[in-house]
PDB file of N, CA and C in Angstrom:
ATOM      1  N   MET A   1      10.682  16.639   3.328  1.00  0.00           N
ATOM      2  CA  MET A   1      10.229  15.670   3.643  1.00  0.00           C
ATOM      3  C   MET A   1       9.850  15.156   4.794  1.00  0.00           C
ATOM      4  N   LYS A   2       8.107  14.917   5.021  1.00  0.00           N
ATOM      5  CA  LYS A   2       7.707  14.304   6.082  1.00  0.00           C
ATOM      6  C   LYS A   2       7.563  13.222   6.581  1.00  0.00           C
ATOM      7  N   THR A   3       7.358  12.377   7.413  1.00  0.00           N
ATOM      8  CA  THR A   3       7.115  10.541   7.816  1.00  0.00           C
ATOM      9  C   THR A   3       6.300  10.646   8.569  1.00  0.00           C
ATOM     10  N   MET A   4       5.735   9.182   8.621  1.00  0.00           N
ATOM     11  CA  MET A   4       4.659   8.966   9.096  1.00  0.00           C
ATOM     12  C   MET A   4       4.612   7.776   8.808  1.00  0.00           C
ATOM     13  N   LYS A   5       3.817   6.572   9.908  1.00  0.00           N
ATOM     14  CA  LYS A   5       4.068   5.339   9.779  1.00  0.00           C
ATOM     15  C   LYS A   5       2.772   5.300  10.457  1.00  0.00           C
ATOM     16  N   GLY A   6       1.815   3.883  10.148  1.00  0.00           N
ATOM     17  CA  GLY A   6       0.598   3.607  10.860  1.00  0.00           C
ATOM     18  C   GLY A   6      -0.551   2.080   9.698  1.00  0.00           C
ATOM     19  N   CYS A   7      -1.372   2.490   9.917  1.00  0.00           N
ATOM     20  CA  CYS A   7      -2.415   1.555   9.534  1.00  0.00           C
ATOM     21  C   CYS A   7      -3.270   1.455   8.345  1.00  0.00           C
ATOM     22  N   VAL A   8      -3.088   0.979   7.190  1.00  0.00           N
ATOM     23  CA  VAL A   8      -3.908   1.698   5.625  1.00  0.00           C
ATOM     24  C   VAL A   8      -4.849   1.307   6.008  1.00  0.00           C
ATOM     25  N   SER A   9      -6.071   1.779   5.467  1.00  0.00           N
ATOM     26  CA  SER A   9      -7.222   1.607   5.810  1.00  0.00           C
ATOM     27  C   SER A   9      -7.894   2.255   4.159  1.00  0.00           C
ATOM     28  N   LYS A  10      -9.646   2.358   3.958  1.00  0.00           N
ATOM     29  CA  LYS A  10     -10.028   2.617   2.479  1.00  0.00           C
ATOM     30  C   LYS A  10      -9.133   2.939   1.535  1.00  0.00           C
ATOM     31  N   ILE A  11      -8.403   1.846   0.476  1.00  0.00           N
ATOM     32  CA  ILE A  11      -7.715   1.575  -0.598  1.00  0.00           C
ATOM     33  C   ILE A  11      -8.311   1.517  -1.225  1.00  0.00           C
ATOM     34  N   ARG A  12      -8.701   2.966  -2.554  1.00  0.00           N
ATOM     35  CA  ARG A  12      -8.992   2.976  -3.286  1.00  0.00           C
ATOM     36  C   ARG A  12      -8.230   3.221  -5.205  1.00  0.00           C
ATOM     37  N   VAL A  13      -8.920   2.964  -6.144  1.00  0.00           N
ATOM     38  CA  VAL A  13      -8.111   3.605  -6.669  1.00  0.00           C
ATOM     39  C   VAL A  13      -9.027   4.534  -7.547  1.00  0.00           C
ATOM     40  N   LEU A  14      -8.469   6.312  -7.374  1.00  0.00           N
ATOM     41  CA  LEU A  14      -9.731   7.246  -8.493  1.00  0.00           C
ATOM     42  C   LEU A  14      -9.410   7.046  -9.554  1.00  0.00           C
ATOM     43  N   LYS A  15      -8.148   6.646 -10.361  1.00  0.00           N
ATOM     44  CA  LYS A  15      -7.994   7.476 -11.821  1.00  0.00           C
ATOM     45  C   LYS A  15      -7.060   6.332 -12.343  1.00  0.00           C
ATOM     46  N   MET A  16      -7.279   5.388 -13.039  1.00  0.00           N
ATOM     47  CA  MET A  16      -6.819   4.365 -13.959  1.00  0.00           C
ATOM     48  C   MET A  16      -6.028   4.955 -15.046  1.00  0.00           C
ATOM     49  N   SER A  17      -4.792   4.614 -15.082  1.00  0.00           N
ATOM     50  CA  SER A  17      -4.517   5.554 -16.461  1.00  0.00           C
ATOM     51  C   SER A  17      -3.018   4.542 -16.270  1.00  0.00           C
ATOM     52  N   LYS A  18      -1.773   4.929 -17.356  1.00  0.00           N
ATOM     53  CA  LYS A  18      -0.375   4.481 -17.199  1.00  0.00           C
ATOM     54  C   LYS A  18      -0.360   3.934 -15.065  1.00  0.00           C
ATOM     55  N   THR A  19      -0.318   5.123 -14.998  1.00  0.00           N
ATOM     56  CA  THR A  19       0.033   5.173 -13.849  1.00  0.00           C
ATOM     57  C   THR A  19      -0.600   5.792 -12.610  1.00  0.00           C
ATOM     58  N   PRO A  20      -2.195   4.707 -12.062  1.00  0.00           N
ATOM     59  CA  PRO A  20      -2.897   4.353 -11.354  1.00  0.00           C
ATOM     60  C   PRO A  20      -3.258   5.808 -10.633  1.00  0.00           C
ATOM     61  N   LEU A  21      -4.199   7.062  -9.993  1.00  0.00           N
ATOM     62  CA  LEU A  21      -3.934   7.570  -8.694  1.00  0.00           C
ATOM     63  C   LEU A  21      -4.888   6.898  -7.913  1.00  0.00           C
ATOM     64  N   VAL A  22      -4.151   6.307  -6.560  1.00  0.00           N
ATOM     65  CA  VAL A  22      -4.482   5.489  -5.562  1.00  0.00           C
ATOM     66  C   VAL A  22      -4.827   6.292  -4.202  1.00  0.00           C
ATOM     67  N   ARG A  23      -5.819   6.963  -3.579  1.00  0.00           N
ATOM     68  CA  ARG A  23      -6.172   6.775  -2.192  1.00  0.00           C
ATOM     69  C   ARG A  23      -6.061   6.217  -1.307  1.00  0.00           C
ATOM     70  N   PHE A  24      -6.157   5.955  -0.178  1.00  0.00           N
ATOM     71  CA  PHE A  24      -5.945   5.453   0.839  1.00  0.00           C
ATOM     72  C   PHE A  24      -5.611   6.200   2.351  1.00  0.00           C
ATOM     73  N   SER A  25      -6.181   5.637   3.331  1.00  0.00           N
ATOM     74  CA  SER A  25      -6.237   6.268   5.445  1.00  0.00           C
ATOM     75  C   SER A  25      -5.196   6.102   5.590  1.00  0.00           C
ATOM     76  N   LEU A  26      -4.445   6.645   6.716  1.00  0.00           N
ATOM     77  CA  LEU A  26      -2.785   6.076   7.073  1.00  0.00           C
ATOM     78  C   LEU A  26      -3.999   6.168   7.923  1.00  0.00           C
ATOM     79  N   ASP A  27      -4.237   5.336   9.088  1.00  0.00           N
ATOM     80  CA  ASP A  27      -4.389   5.532  11.098  1.00  0.00           C
ATOM     81  C   ASP A  27      -5.170   7.484  10.564  1.00  0.00           C
ATOM     82  N   GLY A  28      -5.725   7.175   9.704  1.00  0.00           N
ATOM     83  CA  GLY A  28      -7.296   8.954   9.625  1.00  0.00           C
ATOM     84  C   GLY A  28      -6.314   9.734   8.610  1.00  0.00           C
ATOM     85  N   VAL A  29      -5.635   9.804   8.090  1.00  0.00           N
ATOM     86  CA  VAL A  29      -4.911  10.676   7.501  1.00  0.00           C
ATOM     87  C   VAL A  29      -5.217  10.438   6.101  1.00  0.00           C
ATOM     88  N   ASN A  30      -6.260  11.331   5.224  1.00  0.00           N
ATOM     89  CA  ASN A  30      -6.429  11.287   3.779  1.00  0.00           C
ATOM     90  C   ASN A  30      -4.614  11.456   2.972  1.00  0.00           C
ATOM     91  N   CYS A  31      -4.542  10.068   2.108  1.00  0.00           N
ATOM     92  CA  CYS A  31      -3.397   9.709   1.576  1.00  0.00           C
ATOM     93  C   CYS A  31      -3.726   9.820  -0.268  1.00  0.00           C
ATOM     94  N   LEU A  32      -2.491  10.211  -0.738  1.00  0.00           N
ATOM     95  CA  LEU A  32      -2.837   9.275  -2.600  1.00  0.00           C
ATOM     96  C   LEU A  32      -1.315   9.111  -2.737  1.00  0.00           C
ATOM     97  N   ILE A  33      -1.144   8.224  -3.720  1.00  0.00           N
ATOM     98  CA  ILE A  33      -0.353   7.424  -4.353  1.00  0.00           C
ATOM     99  C   ILE A  33       0.122   7.526  -5.739  1.00  0.00           C
ATOM    100  N   ALA A  34       0.510   8.161  -6.389  1.00  0.00           N
ATOM    101  CA  ALA A  34       0.530   8.068  -7.474  1.00  0.00           C
ATOM    102  C   ALA A  34       2.033   6.991  -8.337  1.00  0.00           C
ATOM    103  N   THR A  35       3.413   7.930  -7.868  1.00  0.00           N
ATOM    104  CA  THR A  35       4.306   7.403  -8.645  1.00  0.00           C
ATOM    105  C   THR A  35       4.646   5.786  -7.607  1.00  0.00           C
ATOM    106  N   HIS A  36       5.050   4.590  -8.083  1.00  0.00           N
ATOM    107  CA  HIS A  36       5.350   4.001  -7.757  1.00  0.00           C
ATOM    108  C   HIS A  36       3.153   2.909  -7.362  1.00  0.00           C
ATOM    109  N   SER A  37       2.363   3.787  -7.754  1.00  0.00           N
ATOM    110  CA  SER A  37       1.192   2.644  -6.958  1.00  0.00           C
ATOM    111  C   SER A  37       0.731   1.729  -7.673  1.00  0.00           C
ATOM    112  N   LEU A  38       1.004   1.001  -8.919  1.00  0.00           N
ATOM    113  CA  LEU A  38       1.233  -0.497  -9.287  1.00  0.00           C
ATOM    114  C   LEU A  38       1.967  -1.018  -8.275  1.00  0.00           C
ATOM    115  N   ASN A  39       2.804  -0.677  -7.744  1.00  0.00           N
ATOM    116  CA  ASN A  39       3.799  -1.545  -7.173  1.00  0.00           C
ATOM    117  C   ASN A  39       2.667  -1.744  -5.439  1.00  0.00           C
ATOM    118  N   PHE A  40       2.945  -0.341  -5.117  1.00  0.00           N
ATOM    119  CA  PHE A  40       1.118  -0.525  -3.810  1.00  0.00           C
ATOM    120  C   PHE A  40       0.572  -0.836  -3.842  1.00  0.00           C
ATOM    121  N   LEU A  41      -0.614  -1.392  -4.385  1.00  0.00           N
ATOM    122  CA  LEU A  41      -1.403  -2.435  -5.347  1.00  0.00           C
ATOM    123  C   LEU A  41      -1.356  -3.491  -4.428  1.00  0.00           C
ATOM    124  N   ALA A  42      -0.338  -4.306  -5.093  1.00  0.00           N
ATOM    125  CA  ALA A  42       0.795  -4.793  -5.527  1.00  0.00           C
ATOM    126  C   ALA A  42       1.298  -5.684  -4.202  1.00  0.00           C
ATOM    127  N   ASP A  43       1.549  -4.771  -3.557  1.00  0.00           N
ATOM    128  CA  ASP A  43       1.877  -4.695  -1.877  1.00  0.00           C
ATOM    129  C   ASP A  43       1.287  -4.568  -0.949  1.00  0.00           C
ATOM    130  N   VAL A  44       0.364  -4.476  -0.566  1.00  0.00           N
ATOM    131  CA  VAL A  44      -0.354  -3.421   0.331  1.00  0.00           C
ATOM    132  C   VAL A  44      -1.592  -3.483   0.038  1.00  0.00           C
ATOM    133  N   ASP A  45      -2.429  -4.084   1.884  1.00  0.00           N
ATOM    134  CA  ASP A  45      -3.562  -4.467   1.486  1.00  0.00           C
ATOM    135  C   ASP A  45      -3.840  -3.551   2.569  1.00  0.00           C
ATOM    136  N   GLU A  46      -5.663  -3.592   2.798  1.00  0.00           N
ATOM    137  CA  GLU A  46      -6.243  -2.941   4.469  1.00  0.00           C
ATOM    138  C   GLU A  46      -5.957  -4.105   5.120  1.00  0.00           C
ATOM    139  N   GLY A  47      -5.533  -2.720   6.475  1.00  0.00           N
ATOM    140  CA  GLY A  47      -5.233  -3.803   7.652  1.00  0.00           C
ATOM    141  C   GLY A  47      -3.931  -4.223   7.826  1.00  0.00           C
ATOM    142  N   MET A  48      -2.461  -3.382   7.162  1.00  0.00           N
ATOM    143  CA  MET A  48      -1.109  -3.933   7.326  1.00  0.00           C
ATOM    144  C   MET A  48      -0.385  -2.967   7.725  1.00  0.00           C
ATOM    145  N   GLN A  49       0.534  -2.516   8.325  1.00  0.00           N
ATOM    146  CA  GLN A  49       1.362  -1.311   8.833  1.00  0.00           C
ATOM    147  C   GLN A  49       1.968  -1.173   7.215  1.00  0.00           C
ATOM    148  N   ILE A  50       2.714   0.132   7.490  1.00  0.00           N
ATOM    149  CA  ILE A  50       4.013   0.750   6.665  1.00  0.00           C
ATOM    150  C   ILE A  50       3.695   2.486   6.853  1.00  0.00           C
ATOM    151  N   ALA A  51       4.859   2.373   6.454  1.00  0.00           N
ATOM    152  CA  ALA A  51       5.900   3.617   6.845  1.00  0.00           C
ATOM    153  C   ALA A  51       5.680   4.586   5.450  1.00  0.00           C
ATOM    154  N   VAL A  52       4.985   5.829   5.324  1.00  0.00           N
ATOM    155  CA  VAL A  52       5.005   6.952   4.987  1.00  0.00           C
ATOM    156  C   VAL A  52       5.764   7.665   4.675  1.00  0.00           C
ATOM    157  N   ALA A  53       6.682   7.836   3.270  1.00  0.00           N
ATOM    158  CA  ALA A  53       7.450  10.189   3.279  1.00  0.00           C
ATOM    159  C   ALA A  53       6.822  10.462   1.821  1.00  0.00           C
ATOM    160  N   GLY A  54       6.677  11.747   2.644  1.00  0.00           N
ATOM    161  CA  GLY A  54       6.251  12.742   1.060  1.00  0.00           C
ATOM    162  C   GLY A  54       5.426  14.084   2.096  1.00  0.00           C
ATOM    163  N   GLU A  55       4.349  15.002   1.675  1.00  0.00           N
ATOM    164  CA  GLU A  55       4.812  16.106   1.037  1.00  0.00           C
ATOM    165  C   GLU A  55       2.867  16.467   1.256  1.00  0.00           C
ATOM    166  N   TYR A  56       1.764  16.978   1.944  1.00  0.00           N
ATOM    167  CA  TYR A  56       0.996  18.236   2.027  1.00  0.00           C
ATOM    168  C   TYR A  56       0.301  18.854   1.291  1.00  0.00           C
ATOM    169  N   ASN A  57      -0.903  18.889   0.658  1.00  0.00           N
ATOM    170  CA  ASN A  57      -0.535  19.192  -0.603  1.00  0.00           C
ATOM    171  C   ASN A  57      -2.040  20.372   0.171  1.00  0.00           C
ATOM    172  N   SER A  58      -2.386  21.161  -1.372  1.00  0.00           N
ATOM    173  CA  SER A  58      -3.730  22.232  -0.818  1.00  0.00           C
ATOM    174  C   SER A  58      -4.218  22.024   0.185  1.00  0.00           C
ATOM    175  N   ARG A  59      -5.031  20.615  -0.510  1.00  0.00           N
ATOM    176  CA  ARG A  59      -6.129  20.130   0.133  1.00  0.00           C
ATOM    177  C   ARG A  59      -5.948  19.179   1.438  1.00  0.00           C
ATOM    178  N   LYS A  60      -4.905  19.279   2.442  1.00  0.00           N
ATOM    179  CA  LYS A  60      -4.038  18.830   3.084  1.00  0.00           C
ATOM    180  C   LYS A  60      -4.262  16.918   3.012  1.00  0.00           C
ATOM    181  N   GLN A  61      -3.905  16.317   1.594  1.00  0.00           N
ATOM    182  CA  GLN A  61      -3.597  15.223   1.588  1.00  0.00           C
ATOM    183  C   GLN A  61      -2.666  15.029   1.660  1.00  0.00           C
ATOM    184  N   PHE A  62      -1.820  13.965   2.245  1.00  0.00           N
ATOM    185  CA  PHE A  62      -0.360  13.638   2.006  1.00  0.00           C
ATOM    186  C   PHE A  62      -0.125  13.200   0.753  1.00  0.00           C
ATOM    187  N   VAL A  63       0.685  13.153   0.046  1.00  0.00           N
ATOM    188  CA  VAL A  63       0.824  13.119  -1.120  1.00  0.00           C
ATOM    189  C   VAL A  63       2.482  11.729  -0.773  1.00  0.00           C
ATOM    190  N   VAL A  64       2.296  10.673  -1.309  1.00  0.00           N
ATOM    191  CA  VAL A  64       3.445   9.902  -1.028  1.00  0.00           C
ATOM    192  C   VAL A  64       4.234   9.635  -2.083  1.00  0.00           C
ATOM    193  N   ARG A  65       5.878   9.581  -1.770  1.00  0.00           N
ATOM    194  CA  ARG A  65       6.260  10.292  -2.633  1.00  0.00           C
ATOM    195  C   ARG A  65       7.303   8.454  -2.391  1.00  0.00           C
ATOM    196  N   LYS A  66       7.162   7.972  -1.011  1.00  0.00           N
ATOM    197  CA  LYS A  66       7.714   6.758  -0.969  1.00  0.00           C
ATOM    198  C   LYS A  66       7.573   6.247   0.113  1.00  0.00           C
ATOM    199  N   TYR A  67       7.573   4.710   0.291  1.00  0.00           N
ATOM    200  CA  TYR A  67       6.696   3.688   1.176  1.00  0.00           C
ATOM    201  C   TYR A  67       7.306   2.459   1.720  1.00  0.00           C
ATOM    202  N   SER A  68       6.565   2.277   2.616  1.00  0.00           N
ATOM    203  CA  SER A  68       7.889   1.039   3.089  1.00  0.00           C
ATOM    204  C   SER A  68       6.625   0.157   3.995  1.00  0.00           C
ATOM    205  N   VAL A  69       6.808  -1.118   3.935  1.00  0.00           N
ATOM    206  CA  VAL A  69       6.385  -2.692   4.364  1.00  0.00           C
ATOM    207  C   VAL A  69       6.445  -2.852   5.233  1.00  0.00           C
ATOM    208  N   ILE A  70       5.725  -2.585   6.530  1.00  0.00           N
ATOM    209  CA  ILE A  70       6.258  -2.792   8.202  1.00  0.00           C
ATOM    210  C   ILE A  70       6.094  -4.382   8.117  1.00  0.00           C
ATOM    211  N   GLY A  71       6.387  -5.340   7.940  1.00  0.00           N
ATOM    212  CA  GLY A  71       6.144  -6.808   7.809  1.00  0.00           C
ATOM    213  C   GLY A  71       6.704  -6.961   6.356  1.00  0.00           C
ATOM    214  N   LYS A  72       5.221  -8.422   6.681  1.00  0.00           N
ATOM    215  CA  LYS A  72       5.224  -9.342   5.088  1.00  0.00           C
ATOM    216  C   LYS A  72       4.494  -8.802   3.956  1.00  0.00           C
ATOM    217  N   THR A  73       4.779  -8.383   2.368  1.00  0.00           N
ATOM    218  CA  THR A  73       3.877  -7.721   1.653  1.00  0.00           C
ATOM    219  C   THR A  73       2.992  -8.821   1.498  1.00  0.00           C
ATOM    220  N   LYS A  74       1.760  -7.623   0.754  1.00  0.00           N
ATOM    221  CA  LYS A  74       0.575  -8.767   0.400  1.00  0.00           C
ATOM    222  C   LYS A  74       0.871  -9.795  -0.875  1.00  0.00           C
ATOM    223  N   ILE A  75       2.229  -9.326  -1.994  1.00  0.00           N
ATOM    224  CA  ILE A  75       2.736 -11.019  -1.959  1.00  0.00           C
ATOM    225  C   ILE A  75       2.807 -11.563  -2.021  1.00  0.00           C
ATOM    226  N   MET A  76       4.067 -11.304  -1.056  1.00  0.00           N
ATOM    227  CA  MET A  76       4.673 -12.485  -0.163  1.00  0.00           C
ATOM    228  C   MET A  76       4.016 -13.626   0.839  1.00  0.00           C
ATOM    229  N   ILE A  77       2.507 -12.852   1.570  1.00  0.00           N
ATOM    230  CA  ILE A  77       1.666 -13.742   1.932  1.00  0.00           C
ATOM    231  C   ILE A  77       0.619 -14.671   1.357  1.00  0.00           C
ATOM    232  N   GLU A  78       0.461 -14.257  -0.645  1.00  0.00           N
ATOM    233  CA  GLU A  78      -0.262 -14.489  -1.218  1.00  0.00           C
ATOM    234  C   GLU A  78       0.700 -15.788  -2.143  1.00  0.00           C
ATOM    235  N   PHE A  79       1.947 -16.053  -1.922  1.00  0.00           N
ATOM    236  CA  PHE A  79       2.881 -16.473  -2.251  1.00  0.00           C
ATOM    237  C   PHE A  79       2.833 -17.609  -1.225  1.00  0.00           C
ATOM    238  N   GLU A  80       2.887 -17.297  -0.301  1.00  0.00           N
ATOM    239  CA  GLU A  80       3.306 -18.644   0.562  1.00  0.00           C
ATOM    240  C   GLU A  80       2.317 -18.851   0.883  1.00  0.00           C
ATOM    241  N   VAL A  81       1.138 -18.441   0.647  1.00  0.00           N
ATOM    242  CA  VAL A  81      -0.142 -19.581   0.802  1.00  0.00           C
ATOM    243  C   VAL A  81      -0.239 -20.571  -0.134  1.00  0.00           C
ATOM    244  N   ILE A  82       0.028 -20.093  -1.500  1.00  0.00           N
ATOM    245  CA  ILE A  82       0.103 -20.782  -2.838  1.00  0.00           C
ATOM    246  C   ILE A  82       1.052 -21.302  -2.368  1.00  0.00           C
ATOM    247  N   ASP A  83       2.558 -21.282  -1.843  1.00  0.00           N
ATOM    248  CA  ASP A  83       3.453 -22.862  -1.560  1.00  0.00           C
ATOM    249  C   ASP A  83       2.930 -23.910  -0.365  1.00  0.00           C
ATOM    250  N   GLN A  84       2.431 -23.366   0.379  1.00  0.00           N
ATOM    251  CA  GLN A  84       1.389 -24.361   1.250  1.00  0.00           C
ATOM    252  C   GLN A  84       0.716 -25.361   0.625  1.00  0.00           C
ATOM    253  N   GLN A  85      -0.454 -24.301  -0.014  1.00  0.00           N
ATOM    254  CA  GLN A  85      -1.254 -25.538  -0.485  1.00  0.00           C
ATOM    255  C   GLN A  85      -0.429 -26.480  -1.707  1.00  0.00           C
ATOM    256  N   LEU A  86       0.234 -26.265  -2.525  1.00  0.00           N
ATOM    257  CA  LEU A  86       1.405 -26.926  -3.526  1.00  0.00           C
ATOM    258  C   LEU A  86       1.444 -28.428  -2.390  1.00  0.00           C
ATOM    259  N   ILE A  87       2.023 -28.082  -1.129  1.00  0.00           N
ATOM    260  CA  ILE A  87       2.701 -29.300  -0.324  1.00  0.00           C
ATOM    261  C   ILE A  87       1.752 -30.040  -0.029  1.00  0.00           C
ATOM    262  N   ALA A  88       0.655 -28.807   0.318  1.00  0.00           N
ATOM    263  CA  ALA A  88      -0.013 -29.814   0.926  1.00  0.00           C
ATOM    264  C   ALA A  88      -1.236 -30.849  -0.084  1.00  0.00           C
ATOM    265  N   ARG A  89      -0.659 -30.126  -1.355  1.00  0.00           N
ATOM    266  CA  ARG A  89      -1.746 -31.309  -2.516  1.00  0.00           C
ATOM    267  C   ARG A  89      -0.563 -32.459  -2.872  1.00  0.00           C
ATOM    268  N   TYR A  90       1.011 -32.413  -2.777  1.00  0.00           N
ATOM    269  CA  TYR A  90       1.485 -33.227  -3.027  1.00  0.00           C
ATOM    270  C   TYR A  90       2.319 -33.808  -1.681  1.00  0.00           C
ATOM    271  N   HIS A  91       1.281 -34.145  -0.642  1.00  0.00           N
ATOM    272  CA  HIS A  91       2.111 -34.903   0.259  1.00  0.00           C
ATOM    273  C   HIS A  91       1.491 -36.012   1.125  1.00  0.00           C
TER     274      HIS A  91
END
């Protein structure tokens, strides 16, 4: 299994199903993720730094088996914003 890390861009859902197929670029490398793709969509936004592990397919697309967000996930950032809005509202 190969590993890479970099900046995420061009997140697109290619196929909607029980486990959606998601395409994204990682520093210019075309990547696909199906396993844990719903978690990926909740965790990762364009511009975030991530580390991925997987293999290249015959079309030279990197098929991601595992990923990890470097820093805070998208959902963590969104909860912080909501928390700050609630604090501002009640103080």
